[in-house]
PDB file of N, CA and C in Angstrom:
ATOM      1  N   MET A   1      94.131 136.849 107.644  1.00  0.00           N
ATOM      2  CA  MET A   1      95.506 136.761 108.036  1.00  0.00           C
ATOM      3  C   MET A   1      96.382 136.323 106.880  1.00  0.00           C
ATOM      4  N   LYS A   2      95.879 135.441 106.079  1.00  0.00           N
ATOM      5  CA  LYS A   2      96.635 134.944 104.949  1.00  0.00           C
ATOM      6  C   LYS A   2      96.877 136.053 103.937  1.00  0.00           C
ATOM      7  N   HIS A   3      95.936 136.939 103.761  1.00  0.00           N
ATOM      8  CA  HIS A   3      96.061 138.051 102.821  1.00  0.00           C
ATOM      9  C   HIS A   3      97.194 138.993 103.239  1.00  0.00           C
ATOM     10  N   GLY A   4      97.322 139.261 104.534  1.00  0.00           N
ATOM     11  CA  GLY A   4      98.360 140.149 105.054  1.00  0.00           C
ATOM     12  C   GLY A   4      99.741 139.546 104.890  1.00  0.00           C
ATOM     13  N   SER A   5      99.880 138.262 105.156  1.00  0.00           N
ATOM     14  CA  SER A   5     101.191 137.625 105.019  1.00  0.00           C
ATOM     15  C   SER A   5     101.591 137.537 103.548  1.00  0.00           C
ATOM     16  N   SER A   6     100.621 137.396 102.669  1.00  0.00           N
ATOM     17  CA  SER A   6     100.897 137.359 101.235  1.00  0.00           C
ATOM     18  C   SER A   6     101.433 138.721 100.762  1.00  0.00           C
ATOM     19  N   PHE A   7     100.869 139.793 101.303  1.00  0.00           N
ATOM     20  CA  PHE A   7     101.322 141.137 100.957  1.00  0.00           C
ATOM     21  C   PHE A   7     102.772 141.343 101.394  1.00  0.00           C
ATOM     22  N   PHE A   8     103.084 140.935 102.626  1.00  0.00           N
ATOM     23  CA  PHE A   8     104.452 141.099 103.129  1.00  0.00           C
ATOM     24  C   PHE A   8     105.441 140.221 102.346  1.00  0.00           C
ATOM     25  N   LEU A   9     105.000 139.050 101.948  1.00  0.00           N
ATOM     26  CA  LEU A   9     105.847 138.175 101.149  1.00  0.00           C
ATOM     27  C   LEU A   9     106.136 138.814  99.791  1.00  0.00           C
ATOM     28  N   LYS A  10     105.097 139.364  99.156  1.00  0.00           N
ATOM     29  CA  LYS A  10     105.290 140.043  97.865  1.00  0.00           C
ATOM     30  C   LYS A  10     106.186 141.259  98.025  1.00  0.00           C
ATOM     31  N   MET A  11     106.002 142.006  99.105  1.00  0.00           N
ATOM     32  CA  MET A  11     106.829 143.184  99.360  1.00  0.00           C
ATOM     33  C   MET A  11     108.279 142.773  99.572  1.00  0.00           C
ATOM     34  N   ALA A  12     108.496 141.699 100.317  1.00  0.00           N
ATOM     35  CA  ALA A  12     109.848 141.212 100.572  1.00  0.00           C
ATOM     36  C   ALA A  12     110.516 140.774  99.268  1.00  0.00           C
ATOM     37  N   ILE A  13     109.778 140.116  98.403  1.00  0.00           N
ATOM     38  CA  ILE A  13     110.319 139.685  97.101  1.00  0.00           C
ATOM     39  C   ILE A  13     110.672 140.887  96.250  1.00  0.00           C
ATOM     40  N   VAL A  14     109.800 141.887  96.220  1.00  0.00           N
ATOM     41  CA  VAL A  14     110.063 143.106  95.436  1.00  0.00           C
ATOM     42  C   VAL A  14     111.299 143.823  95.977  1.00  0.00           C
ATOM     43  N   LEU A  15     111.391 143.953  97.294  1.00  0.00           N
ATOM     44  CA  LEU A  15     112.557 144.601  97.889  1.00  0.00           C
ATOM     45  C   LEU A  15     113.832 143.809  97.624  1.00  0.00           C
ATOM     46  N   PHE A  16     113.745 142.483  97.711  1.00  0.00           N
ATOM     47  CA  PHE A  16     114.899 141.643  97.419  1.00  0.00           C
ATOM     48  C   PHE A  16     115.334 141.799  95.966  1.00  0.00           C
ATOM     49  N   MET A  17     114.378 141.836  95.058  1.00  0.00           N
ATOM     50  CA  MET A  17     114.680 142.008  93.628  1.00  0.00           C
ATOM     51  C   MET A  17     115.336 143.375  93.389  1.00  0.00           C
ATOM     52  N   ALA A  18     114.798 144.430  93.998  1.00  0.00           N
ATOM     53  CA  ALA A  18     115.364 145.771  93.833  1.00  0.00           C
ATOM     54  C   ALA A  18     116.795 145.807  94.388  1.00  0.00           C
ATOM     55  N   PHE A  19     116.979 145.216  95.563  1.00  0.00           N
ATOM     56  CA  PHE A  19     118.314 145.154  96.160  1.00  0.00           C
ATOM     57  C   PHE A  19     119.277 144.387  95.258  1.00  0.00           C
ATOM     58  N   SER A  20     118.812 143.284  94.704  1.00  0.00           N
ATOM     59  CA  SER A  20     119.649 142.464  93.824  1.00  0.00           C
ATOM     60  C   SER A  20     120.045 143.228  92.572  1.00  0.00           C
ATOM     61  N   ILE A  21     119.109 143.942  91.981  1.00  0.00           N
ATOM     62  CA  ILE A  21     119.396 144.717  90.755  1.00  0.00           C
ATOM     63  C   ILE A  21     120.412 145.811  91.048  1.00  0.00           C
ATOM     64  N   VAL A  22     120.216 146.538  92.142  1.00  0.00           N
ATOM     65  CA  VAL A  22     121.147 147.605  92.509  1.00  0.00           C
ATOM     66  C   VAL A  22     122.537 147.019  92.772  1.00  0.00           C
ATOM     67  N   THR A  23     122.591 145.901  93.463  1.00  0.00           N
ATOM     68  CA  THR A  23     123.872 145.259  93.762  1.00  0.00           C
ATOM     69  C   THR A  23     124.564 144.808  92.483  1.00  0.00           C
ATOM     70  N   ILE A  24     123.831 144.214  91.565  1.00  0.00           N
ATOM     71  CA  ILE A  24     124.409 143.746  90.293  1.00  0.00           C
ATOM     72  C   ILE A  24     124.940 144.921  89.486  1.00  0.00           C
ATOM     73  N   LEU A  25     124.168 146.000  89.413  1.00  0.00           N
ATOM     74  CA  LEU A  25     124.627 147.173  88.665  1.00  0.00           C
ATOM     75  C   LEU A  25     125.884 147.772  89.292  1.00  0.00           C
ATOM     76  N   ASN A  26     125.924 147.818  90.613  1.00  0.00           N
ATOM     77  CA  ASN A  26     127.099 148.339  91.312  1.00  0.00           C
ATOM     78  C   ASN A  26     128.318 147.453  91.045  1.00  0.00           C
ATOM     79  N   LEU A  27     128.132 146.151  91.093  1.00  0.00           N
ATOM     80  CA  LEU A  27     129.237 145.227  90.841  1.00  0.00           C
ATOM     81  C   LEU A  27     129.729 145.326  89.394  1.00  0.00           C
ATOM     82  N   GLN A  28     128.817 145.516  88.452  1.00  0.00           N
ATOM     83  CA  GLN A  28     129.217 145.682  87.056  1.00  0.00           C
ATOM     84  C   GLN A  28     130.056 146.942  86.877  1.00  0.00           C
ATOM     85  N   GLN A  29     129.661 148.019  87.542  1.00  0.00           N
ATOM     86  CA  GLN A  29     130.419 149.265  87.459  1.00  0.00           C
ATOM     87  C   GLN A  29     131.816 149.078  88.062  1.00  0.00           C
ATOM     88  N   GLN A  30     131.884 148.437  89.223  1.00  0.00           N
ATOM     89  CA  GLN A  30     133.177 148.187  89.858  1.00  0.00           C
ATOM     90  C   GLN A  30     134.050 147.303  88.978  1.00  0.00           C
ATOM     91  N   PHE A  31     133.458 146.295  88.364  1.00  0.00           N
ATOM     92  CA  PHE A  31     134.193 145.392  87.485  1.00  0.00           C
ATOM     93  C   PHE A  31     134.752 146.145  86.288  1.00  0.00           C
ATOM     94  N   SER A  32     133.946 147.026  85.729  1.00  0.00           N
ATOM     95  CA  SER A  32     134.397 147.825  84.588  1.00  0.00           C
ATOM     96  C   SER A  32     135.570 148.722  84.980  1.00  0.00           C
ATOM     97  N   GLU A  33     135.474 149.357  86.126  1.00  0.00           N
ATOM     98  CA  GLU A  33     136.561 150.214  86.605  1.00  0.00           C
ATOM     99  C   GLU A  33     137.828 149.400  86.870  1.00  0.00           C
ATOM    100  N   LEU A  34     137.661 148.204  87.430  1.00  0.00           N
ATOM    101  CA  LEU A  34     138.812 147.347  87.690  1.00  0.00           C
ATOM    102  C   LEU A  34     139.462 146.856  86.399  1.00  0.00           C
ATOM    103  N   GLU A  35     138.642 146.588  85.392  1.00  0.00           N
ATOM    104  CA  GLU A  35     139.196 146.191  84.082  1.00  0.00           C
ATOM    105  C   GLU A  35     140.031 147.317  83.494  1.00  0.00           C
ATOM    106  N   LYS A  36     139.546 148.557  83.594  1.00  0.00           N
ATOM    107  CA  LYS A  36     140.302 149.698  83.086  1.00  0.00           C
ATOM    108  C   LYS A  36     141.611 149.857  83.851  1.00  0.00           C
ATOM    109  N   LYS A  37     141.538 149.725  85.172  1.00  0.00           N
ATOM    110  CA  LYS A  37     142.737 149.845  85.997  1.00  0.00           C
ATOM    111  C   LYS A  37     143.722 148.725  85.666  1.00  0.00           C
ATOM    112  N   HIS A  38     143.214 147.530  85.461  1.00  0.00           N
ATOM    113  CA  HIS A  38     144.061 146.388  85.111  1.00  0.00           C
ATOM    114  C   HIS A  38     144.772 146.642  83.789  1.00  0.00           C
ATOM    115  N   ALA A  39     144.051 147.147  82.788  1.00  0.00           N
ATOM    116  CA  ALA A  39     144.661 147.432  81.486  1.00  0.00           C
ATOM    117  C   ALA A  39     145.754 148.489  81.624  1.00  0.00           C
ATOM    118  N   LYS A  40     145.491 149.515  82.424  1.00  0.00           N
ATOM    119  CA  LYS A  40     146.480 150.573  82.629  1.00  0.00           C
ATOM    120  C   LYS A  40     147.720 150.017  83.323  1.00  0.00           C
ATOM    121  N   LEU A  41     147.513 149.227  84.374  1.00  0.00           N
ATOM    122  CA  LEU A  41     148.638 148.658  85.106  1.00  0.00           C
ATOM    123  C   LEU A  41     149.418 147.669  84.242  1.00  0.00           C
ATOM    124  N   LYS A  42     148.709 146.913  83.418  1.00  0.00           N
ATOM    125  CA  LYS A  42     149.380 145.970  82.515  1.00  0.00           C
ATOM    126  C   LYS A  42     150.265 146.724  81.529  1.00  0.00           C
ATOM    127  N   SER A  43     149.769 147.840  81.029  1.00  0.00           N
ATOM    128  CA  SER A  43     150.547 148.677  80.121  1.00  0.00           C
ATOM    129  C   SER A  43     151.786 149.223  80.820  1.00  0.00           C
ATOM    130  N   GLU A  44     151.620 149.661  82.060  1.00  0.00           N
ATOM    131  CA  GLU A  44     152.759 150.171  82.828  1.00  0.00           C
ATOM    132  C   GLU A  44     153.789 149.077  83.084  1.00  0.00           C
ATOM    133  N   VAL A  45     153.320 147.882  83.394  1.00  0.00           N
ATOM    134  CA  VAL A  45     154.228 146.764  83.629  1.00  0.00           C
ATOM    135  C   VAL A  45     155.026 146.461  82.360  1.00  0.00           C
ATOM    136  N   GLU A  46     154.353 146.461  81.213  1.00  0.00           N
ATOM    137  CA  GLU A  46     155.045 146.205  79.944  1.00  0.00           C
ATOM    138  C   GLU A  46     156.097 147.273  79.678  1.00  0.00           C
ATOM    139  N   ALA A  47     155.776 148.525  79.967  1.00  0.00           N
ATOM    140  CA  ALA A  47     156.743 149.608  79.765  1.00  0.00           C
ATOM    141  C   ALA A  47     157.946 149.420  80.683  1.00  0.00           C
ATOM    142  N   TYR A  48     157.689 149.045  81.949  1.00  0.00           N
ATOM    143  CA  TYR A  48     158.792 148.814  82.883  1.00  0.00           C
ATOM    144  C   TYR A  48     159.632 147.609  82.457  1.00  0.00           C
ATOM    145  N   GLU A  49     158.974 146.573  81.946  1.00  0.00           N
ATOM    146  CA  GLU A  49     159.715 145.401  81.492  1.00  0.00           C
ATOM    147  C   GLU A  49     160.624 145.756  80.314  1.00  0.00           C
ATOM    148  N   GLU A  50     160.128 146.598  79.405  1.00  0.00           N
ATOM    149  CA  GLU A  50     160.955 147.053  78.284  1.00  0.00           C
ATOM    150  C   GLU A  50     162.146 147.856  78.795  1.00  0.00           C
ATOM    151  N   ARG A  51     161.899 148.709  79.764  1.00  0.00           N
ATOM    152  CA  ARG A  51     162.981 149.531  80.334  1.00  0.00           C
ATOM    153  C   ARG A  51     164.011 148.643  81.036  1.00  0.00           C
ATOM    154  N   ILE A  52     163.534 147.640  81.756  1.00  0.00           N
ATOM    155  CA  ILE A  52     164.437 146.713  82.436  1.00  0.00           C
ATOM    156  C   ILE A  52     165.285 145.963  81.420  1.00  0.00           C
ATOM    157  N   ALA A  53     164.668 145.506  80.329  1.00  0.00           N
ATOM    158  CA  ALA A  53     165.410 144.793  79.292  1.00  0.00           C
ATOM    159  C   ALA A  53     166.466 145.706  78.674  1.00  0.00           C
ATOM    160  N   GLU A  54     166.107 146.961  78.453  1.00  0.00           N
ATOM    161  CA  GLU A  54     167.060 147.927  77.897  1.00  0.00           C
ATOM    162  C   GLU A  54     168.235 148.140  78.857  1.00  0.00           C
ATOM    163  N   LEU A  55     167.941 148.310  80.129  1.00  0.00           N
ATOM    164  CA  LEU A  55     169.000 148.501  81.120  1.00  0.00           C
ATOM    165  C   LEU A  55     169.863 147.251  81.257  1.00  0.00           C
ATOM    166  N   GLN A  56     169.226 146.085  81.185  1.00  0.00           N
ATOM    167  CA  GLN A  56     169.986 144.841  81.275  1.00  0.00           C
ATOM    168  C   GLN A  56     170.923 144.702  80.081  1.00  0.00           C
ATOM    169  N   TYR A  57     170.436 145.095  78.903  1.00  0.00           N
ATOM    170  CA  TYR A  57     171.282 145.077  77.704  1.00  0.00           C
ATOM    171  C   TYR A  57     172.498 145.977  77.903  1.00  0.00           C
ATOM    172  N   GLN A  58     172.267 147.152  78.462  1.00  0.00           N
ATOM    173  CA  GLN A  58     173.378 148.073  78.699  1.00  0.00           C
ATOM    174  C   GLN A  58     174.362 147.507  79.723  1.00  0.00           C
ATOM    175  N   LEU A  59     173.850 146.830  80.742  1.00  0.00           N
ATOM    176  CA  LEU A  59     174.735 146.222  81.742  1.00  0.00           C
ATOM    177  C   LEU A  59     175.544 145.067  81.157  1.00  0.00           C
ATOM    178  N   ASP A  60     174.943 144.328  80.251  1.00  0.00           N
ATOM    179  CA  ASP A  60     175.597 143.157  79.676  1.00  0.00           C
ATOM    180  C   ASP A  60     176.580 143.505  78.566  1.00  0.00           C
ATOM    181  N   ARG A  61     176.508 144.721  78.057  1.00  0.00           N
ATOM    182  CA  ARG A  61     177.412 145.119  76.969  1.00  0.00           C
ATOM    183  C   ARG A  61     178.850 145.138  77.450  1.00  0.00           C
ATOM    184  N   PRO A  62     179.749 144.818  76.540  1.00  0.00           N
ATOM    185  CA  PRO A  62     181.166 144.908  76.915  1.00  0.00           C
ATOM    186  C   PRO A  62     181.587 146.370  77.050  1.00  0.00           C
ATOM    187  N   PHE A  63     182.509 146.609  77.943  1.00  0.00           N
ATOM    188  CA  PHE A  63     183.013 147.959  78.188  1.00  0.00           C
ATOM    189  C   PHE A  63     184.196 148.199  77.244  1.00  0.00           C
ATOM    190  N   ASP A  64     183.860 148.434  75.969  1.00  0.00           N
ATOM    191  CA  ASP A  64     184.891 148.612  74.950  1.00  0.00           C
ATOM    192  C   ASP A  64     184.859 150.037  74.412  1.00  0.00           C
ATOM    193  N   ASN A  65     185.675 150.288  73.401  1.00  0.00           N
ATOM    194  CA  ASN A  65     185.767 151.642  72.826  1.00  0.00           C
ATOM    195  C   ASN A  65     184.437 152.105  72.244  1.00  0.00           C
ATOM    196  N   GLU A  66     183.720 151.206  71.611  1.00  0.00           N
ATOM    197  CA  GLU A  66     182.421 151.568  71.030  1.00  0.00           C
ATOM    198  C   GLU A  66     181.466 152.059  72.116  1.00  0.00           C
ATOM    199  N   TYR A  67     181.445 151.376  73.244  1.00  0.00           N
ATOM    200  CA  TYR A  67     180.597 151.755  74.371  1.00  0.00           C
ATOM    201  C   TYR A  67     181.018 153.115  74.927  1.00  0.00           C
ATOM    202  N   ILE A  68     182.305 153.311  75.087  1.00  0.00           N
ATOM    203  CA  ILE A  68     182.822 154.569  75.625  1.00  0.00           C
ATOM    204  C   ILE A  68     182.479 155.730  74.701  1.00  0.00           C
ATOM    205  N   ILE A  69     182.621 155.530  73.404  1.00  0.00           N
ATOM    206  CA  ILE A  69     182.280 156.572  72.425  1.00  0.00           C
ATOM    207  C   ILE A  69     180.793 156.894  72.486  1.00  0.00           C
ATOM    208  N   GLU A  70     179.958 155.863  72.568  1.00  0.00           N
ATOM    209  CA  GLU A  70     178.506 156.083  72.633  1.00  0.00           C
ATOM    210  C   GLU A  70     178.119 156.884  73.873  1.00  0.00           C
ATOM    211  N   ILE A  71     178.687 156.533  75.013  1.00  0.00           N
ATOM    212  CA  ILE A  71     178.382 157.253  76.262  1.00  0.00           C
ATOM    213  C   ILE A  71     178.884 158.694  76.171  1.00  0.00           C
ATOM    214  N   ALA A  72     180.066 158.883  75.611  1.00  0.00           N
ATOM    215  CA  ALA A  72     180.611 160.236  75.467  1.00  0.00           C
ATOM    216  C   ALA A  72     179.707 161.089  74.592  1.00  0.00           C
ATOM    217  N   ARG A  73     179.160 160.505  73.549  1.00  0.00           N
ATOM    218  CA  ARG A  73     178.246 161.253  72.665  1.00  0.00           C
ATOM    219  C   ARG A  73     176.944 161.594  73.377  1.00  0.00           C
ATOM    220  N   LYS A  74     176.334 160.574  73.974  1.00  0.00           N
ATOM    221  CA  LYS A  74     175.000 160.756  74.560  1.00  0.00           C
ATOM    222  C   LYS A  74     175.026 161.585  75.842  1.00  0.00           C
ATOM    223  N   LYS A  75     175.930 161.263  76.723  1.00  0.00           N
ATOM    224  CA  LYS A  75     175.918 161.890  78.048  1.00  0.00           C
ATOM    225  C   LYS A  75     176.724 163.184  78.115  1.00  0.00           C
ATOM    226  N   LEU A  76     177.830 163.237  77.383  1.00  0.00           N
ATOM    227  CA  LEU A  76     178.729 164.392  77.495  1.00  0.00           C
ATOM    228  C   LEU A  76     178.714 165.289  76.264  1.00  0.00           C
ATOM    229  N   ASN A  77     177.980 164.865  75.246  1.00  0.00           N
ATOM    230  CA  ASN A  77     177.861 165.630  73.998  1.00  0.00           C
ATOM    231  C   ASN A  77     179.228 165.818  73.319  1.00  0.00           C
ATOM    232  N   TYR A  78     180.081 164.811  73.428  1.00  0.00           N
ATOM    233  CA  TYR A  78     181.393 164.832  72.780  1.00  0.00           C
ATOM    234  C   TYR A  78     181.279 164.232  71.381  1.00  0.00           C
ATOM    235  N   HIS A  79     182.313 164.469  70.586  1.00  0.00           N
ATOM    236  CA  HIS A  79     182.382 163.846  69.266  1.00  0.00           C
ATOM    237  C   HIS A  79     183.845 163.595  68.929  1.00  0.00           C
ATOM    238  N   LEU A  80     184.057 162.762  67.940  1.00  0.00           N
ATOM    239  CA  LEU A  80     185.419 162.450  67.503  1.00  0.00           C
ATOM    240  C   LEU A  80     185.992 163.631  66.731  1.00  0.00           C
ATOM    241  N   PRO A  81     187.314 163.795  66.734  1.00  0.00           N
ATOM    242  CA  PRO A  81     187.923 164.960  66.076  1.00  0.00           C
ATOM    243  C   PRO A  81     187.617 165.053  64.577  1.00  0.00           C
ATOM    244  N   ASP A  82     187.473 163.932  63.897  1.00  0.00           N
ATOM    245  CA  ASP A  82     187.245 163.973  62.445  1.00  0.00           C
ATOM    246  C   ASP A  82     185.764 163.955  62.069  1.00  0.00           C
ATOM    247  N   GLU A  83     184.877 163.997  63.031  1.00  0.00           N
ATOM    248  CA  GLU A  83     183.438 163.987  62.739  1.00  0.00           C
ATOM    249  C   GLU A  83     182.939 165.377  62.380  1.00  0.00           C
ATOM    250  N   ILE A  84     181.982 165.403  61.483  1.00  0.00           N
ATOM    251  CA  ILE A  84     181.290 166.645  61.143  1.00  0.00           C
ATOM    252  C   ILE A  84     179.908 166.565  61.788  1.00  0.00           C
ATOM    253  N   ILE A  85     179.581 167.559  62.589  1.00  0.00           N
ATOM    254  CA  ILE A  85     178.328 167.583  63.320  1.00  0.00           C
ATOM    255  C   ILE A  85     177.396 168.607  62.664  1.00  0.00           C
ATOM    256  N   PHE A  86     176.198 168.160  62.339  1.00  0.00           N
ATOM    257  CA  PHE A  86     175.183 169.043  61.781  1.00  0.00           C
ATOM    258  C   PHE A  86     174.126 169.289  62.859  1.00  0.00           C
ATOM    259  N   GLU A  87     173.807 170.551  63.049  1.00  0.00           N
ATOM    260  CA  GLU A  87     172.772 170.884  64.038  1.00  0.00           C
ATOM    261  C   GLU A  87     171.580 171.448  63.292  1.00  0.00           C
ATOM    262  N   ASN A  88     170.441 171.093  63.750  1.00  0.00           N
ATOM    263  CA  ASN A  88     169.197 171.528  63.142  1.00  0.00           C
ATOM    264  C   ASN A  88     168.454 172.393  64.162  1.00  0.00           C
ATOM    265  N   HIS A  89     168.414 173.681  63.923  1.00  0.00           N
ATOM    266  CA  HIS A  89     167.722 174.599  64.833  1.00  0.00           C
ATOM    267  C   HIS A  89     166.435 175.035  64.166  1.00  0.00           C
ATOM    268  N   GLN A  90     165.353 174.425  64.581  1.00  0.00           N
ATOM    269  CA  GLN A  90     164.055 174.792  64.014  1.00  0.00           C
ATOM    270  C   GLN A  90     163.237 175.458  65.098  1.00  0.00           C
ATOM    271  N   ASN A  91     162.559 176.523  64.715  1.00  0.00           N
ATOM    272  CA  ASN A  91     161.639 177.182  65.625  1.00  0.00           C
ATOM    273  C   ASN A  91     160.256 176.593  65.370  1.00  0.00           C
ATOM    274  N   ASN A  92     159.666 176.059  66.399  1.00  0.00           N
ATOM    275  CA  ASN A  92     158.328 175.471  66.241  1.00  0.00           C
ATOM    276  C   ASN A  92     157.274 176.427  66.617  1.00  0.00           C
TER     277      ASN A  92
END
């Protein structure tokens, strides 16, 4: 009887060890994937923070002639009457 219980005990230990190894490997894989996702999300957060800072700078700027001229150039493609505009048309 003792021999049979010893066999089942050894089998239980082997099965427990196999289960533990599989679980550890699975957790390591999940951890690695989560680290990659964390790095990606951290990068996205930094990009959004930069964009927010840029927008905040634009909101905080005074609404003066310099600002109006800049917006007219960027958004409406306007220029001052005495400016010379050079265009570069390159075929890539």
